[in-house]
Amino acid sequence: MIEVYIDGASSGDPGPSGAGIFIKNNGKTESFSIPLGTMNNHEAEFHALIKSLEICIELGFSIVSVRSDSTAVVDAIEKEYARNEKYRLLLRDALSLASQIDLFFIKWIPSKENKHADQLARQAIRLNADIK
């Protein structure tokens, strides 16, 4: 089983944002810092999930366990519902991607267990300046 740690971060509301993705695969690790442009923190969290699922599908992973410290994202996936229209569209995209993986799990974890993904997301915020 692949363990994927994700985090989204935003410097402002909205502001420059980034996704951090840390993948553990049988003793090997991969790290991604993905600049997301301007959005709020909740949007960045959803985009981190979407980007992580795209990476997992591209790499051909069939059993994926995502860990996130975002209760908004984890609850939305588990309930398959988001109240906010903006997040509903992101949720739809995430669920569509998750359905392409044979076994997909998502679990909430405390922030202290997600420090590496958080650092990657913060690095990604700084990368936004490079994509203008």
Protein backbone atom coordinates (compact mmCIF):
# COMPACT_ATOMS: atom_id res chain seq x y z
CA MET A 1 0.00 0.00 0.00
CA ILE A 2 1.21 3.48 -0.91
CA GLU A 3 1.06 6.12 1.83
CA VAL A 4 0.50 9.66 0.57
CA TYR A 5 0.78 12.66 2.88
CA ILE A 6 -0.75 15.86 1.51
CA ASP A 7 -1.01 19.46 2.59
CA GLY A 8 -2.18 22.68 1.01
CA ALA A 9 -1.02 26.08 2.17
CA SER A 10 -1.89 29.65 1.32
CA SER A 11 -0.16 32.90 2.19
CA GLY A 12 -3.26 35.07 2.44
CA ASP A 13 -6.97 34.58 2.01
CA PRO A 14 -6.74 34.32 -0.93
CA GLY A 15 -3.04 34.44 -1.66
CA PRO A 16 -0.16 32.56 -3.26
CA SER A 17 -0.74 28.88 -2.57
CA GLY A 18 0.99 25.55 -2.87
CA ALA A 19 0.52 21.81 -2.53
CA GLY A 20 2.90 19.53 -0.71
CA ILE A 21 2.82 15.81 -1.46
CA PHE A 22 5.00 13.18 0.21
CA ILE A 23 4.72 9.59 -1.03
CA LYS A 24 6.03 6.52 0.79
CA ASN A 25 6.31 3.49 -1.47
CA ASN A 26 7.96 0.34 -0.02
CA GLY A 27 10.83 2.20 1.60
CA LYS A 28 11.22 4.71 -1.24
CA THR A 29 9.97 8.26 -0.93
CA GLU A 30 9.05 10.97 -3.39
CA SER A 31 8.37 14.62 -2.62
CA PHE A 32 6.47 17.20 -4.65
CA SER A 33 6.08 20.97 -4.16
CA ILE A 34 3.48 22.26 -6.59
CA PRO A 35 2.68 25.98 -6.90
CA LEU A 36 -1.07 26.54 -7.28
CA GLY A 37 -1.41 30.26 -7.99
CA THR A 38 -3.80 32.39 -5.95
CA MET A 39 -6.48 30.72 -3.83
CA ASN A 40 -7.55 30.23 -0.22
CA ASN A 41 -6.26 27.54 2.11
CA HIS A 42 -9.24 25.18 1.75
CA GLU A 43 -8.95 25.30 -2.05
CA ALA A 44 -5.23 24.55 -1.74
CA GLU A 45 -6.02 21.51 0.44
CA PHE A 46 -8.43 20.14 -2.18
CA HIS A 47 -5.93 20.82 -4.96
CA ALA A 48 -3.24 18.97 -2.98
CA LEU A 49 -5.52 15.92 -2.91
CA ILE A 50 -6.32 16.21 -6.62
CA LYS A 51 -2.65 16.58 -7.59
CA SER A 52 -1.69 13.62 -5.38
CA LEU A 53 -4.32 11.41 -7.00
CA GLU A 54 -3.17 12.45 -10.47
CA ILE A 55 0.40 11.48 -9.52
CA CYS A 56 -0.71 8.13 -8.06
CA ILE A 57 -2.70 7.30 -11.20
CA GLU A 58 0.21 8.33 -13.44
CA LEU A 59 2.57 6.09 -11.43
CA GLY A 60 0.12 3.18 -11.63
CA PHE A 61 -0.52 2.77 -7.90
CA SER A 62 -3.54 0.56 -7.21
CA ILE A 63 -3.80 0.77 -3.40
CA VAL A 64 -3.46 4.29 -2.01
CA SER A 65 -3.89 5.60 1.52
CA VAL A 66 -3.96 9.40 1.71
CA ARG A 67 -3.30 11.19 5.00
CA SER A 68 -4.32 14.81 5.46
CA ASP A 69 -4.59 17.22 8.37
CA SER A 70 -7.52 18.97 6.66
CA THR A 71 -10.78 17.95 8.29
CA ALA A 72 -12.64 19.81 5.51
CA VAL A 73 -11.11 17.60 2.81
CA VAL A 74 -11.31 14.33 4.73
CA ASP A 75 -14.92 14.94 5.79
CA ALA A 76 -15.93 15.98 2.26
CA ILE A 77 -14.44 12.80 0.76
CA GLU A 78 -15.96 10.54 3.42
CA LYS A 79 -19.41 12.13 3.11
CA GLU A 80 -19.08 12.76 -0.64
CA TYR A 81 -20.48 16.22 0.05
CA ALA A 82 -19.24 19.79 0.34
CA ARG A 83 -21.59 22.62 1.27
CA ASN A 84 -19.64 25.34 -0.56
CA GLU A 85 -20.19 25.36 -4.35
CA LYS A 86 -16.51 26.08 -5.05
CA TYR A 87 -15.44 23.05 -3.02
CA ARG A 88 -18.18 20.88 -4.51
CA LEU A 89 -16.54 21.13 -7.93
CA LEU A 90 -13.13 20.24 -6.47
CA LEU A 91 -14.69 17.36 -4.54
CA ARG A 92 -16.27 16.03 -7.72
CA ASP A 93 -12.85 16.05 -9.43
CA ALA A 94 -11.20 14.33 -6.44
CA LEU A 95 -13.87 11.61 -6.25
CA SER A 96 -13.61 11.00 -9.99
CA LEU A 97 -9.84 10.50 -9.69
CA ALA A 98 -10.17 8.35 -6.56
CA SER A 99 -12.58 6.05 -8.43
CA GLN A 100 -9.76 5.26 -10.87
CA ILE A 101 -7.72 3.68 -8.07
CA ASP A 102 -8.58 0.09 -7.08
CA LEU A 103 -8.49 0.77 -3.32
CA PHE A 104 -8.50 4.35 -2.04
CA PHE A 105 -8.48 5.34 1.61
CA ILE A 106 -8.28 8.74 3.26
CA LYS A 107 -7.47 9.40 6.89
CA TRP A 108 -7.26 12.53 9.00
CA ILE A 109 -3.99 12.96 10.89
CA PRO A 110 -2.84 15.68 13.29
CA SER A 111 -0.64 18.44 11.85
CA LYS A 112 2.34 17.21 13.86
CA GLU A 113 2.28 13.98 11.80
CA ASN A 114 2.15 15.93 8.54
CA LYS A 115 5.17 18.21 8.89
CA HIS A 116 6.99 17.05 5.76
CA ALA A 117 3.99 17.69 3.48
CA ASP A 118 3.51 21.06 5.21
CA GLN A 119 7.13 22.04 4.46
CA LEU A 120 6.68 21.00 0.83
CA ALA A 121 3.49 23.09 0.54
CA ARG A 122 5.26 26.13 1.99
CA GLN A 123 8.11 25.67 -0.49
CA ALA A 124 5.52 25.57 -3.27
CA ILE A 125 4.12 28.95 -2.18
CA ARG A 126 7.54 30.48 -2.84
CA LEU A 127 7.65 28.80 -6.28
CA ASN A 128 4.61 30.84 -7.41
CA ALA A 129 6.91 33.77 -8.15
CA ASP A 130 8.75 31.59 -10.68
CA ILE A 131 5.65 30.80 -12.76
CA LYS A 132 4.47 34.34 -13.54
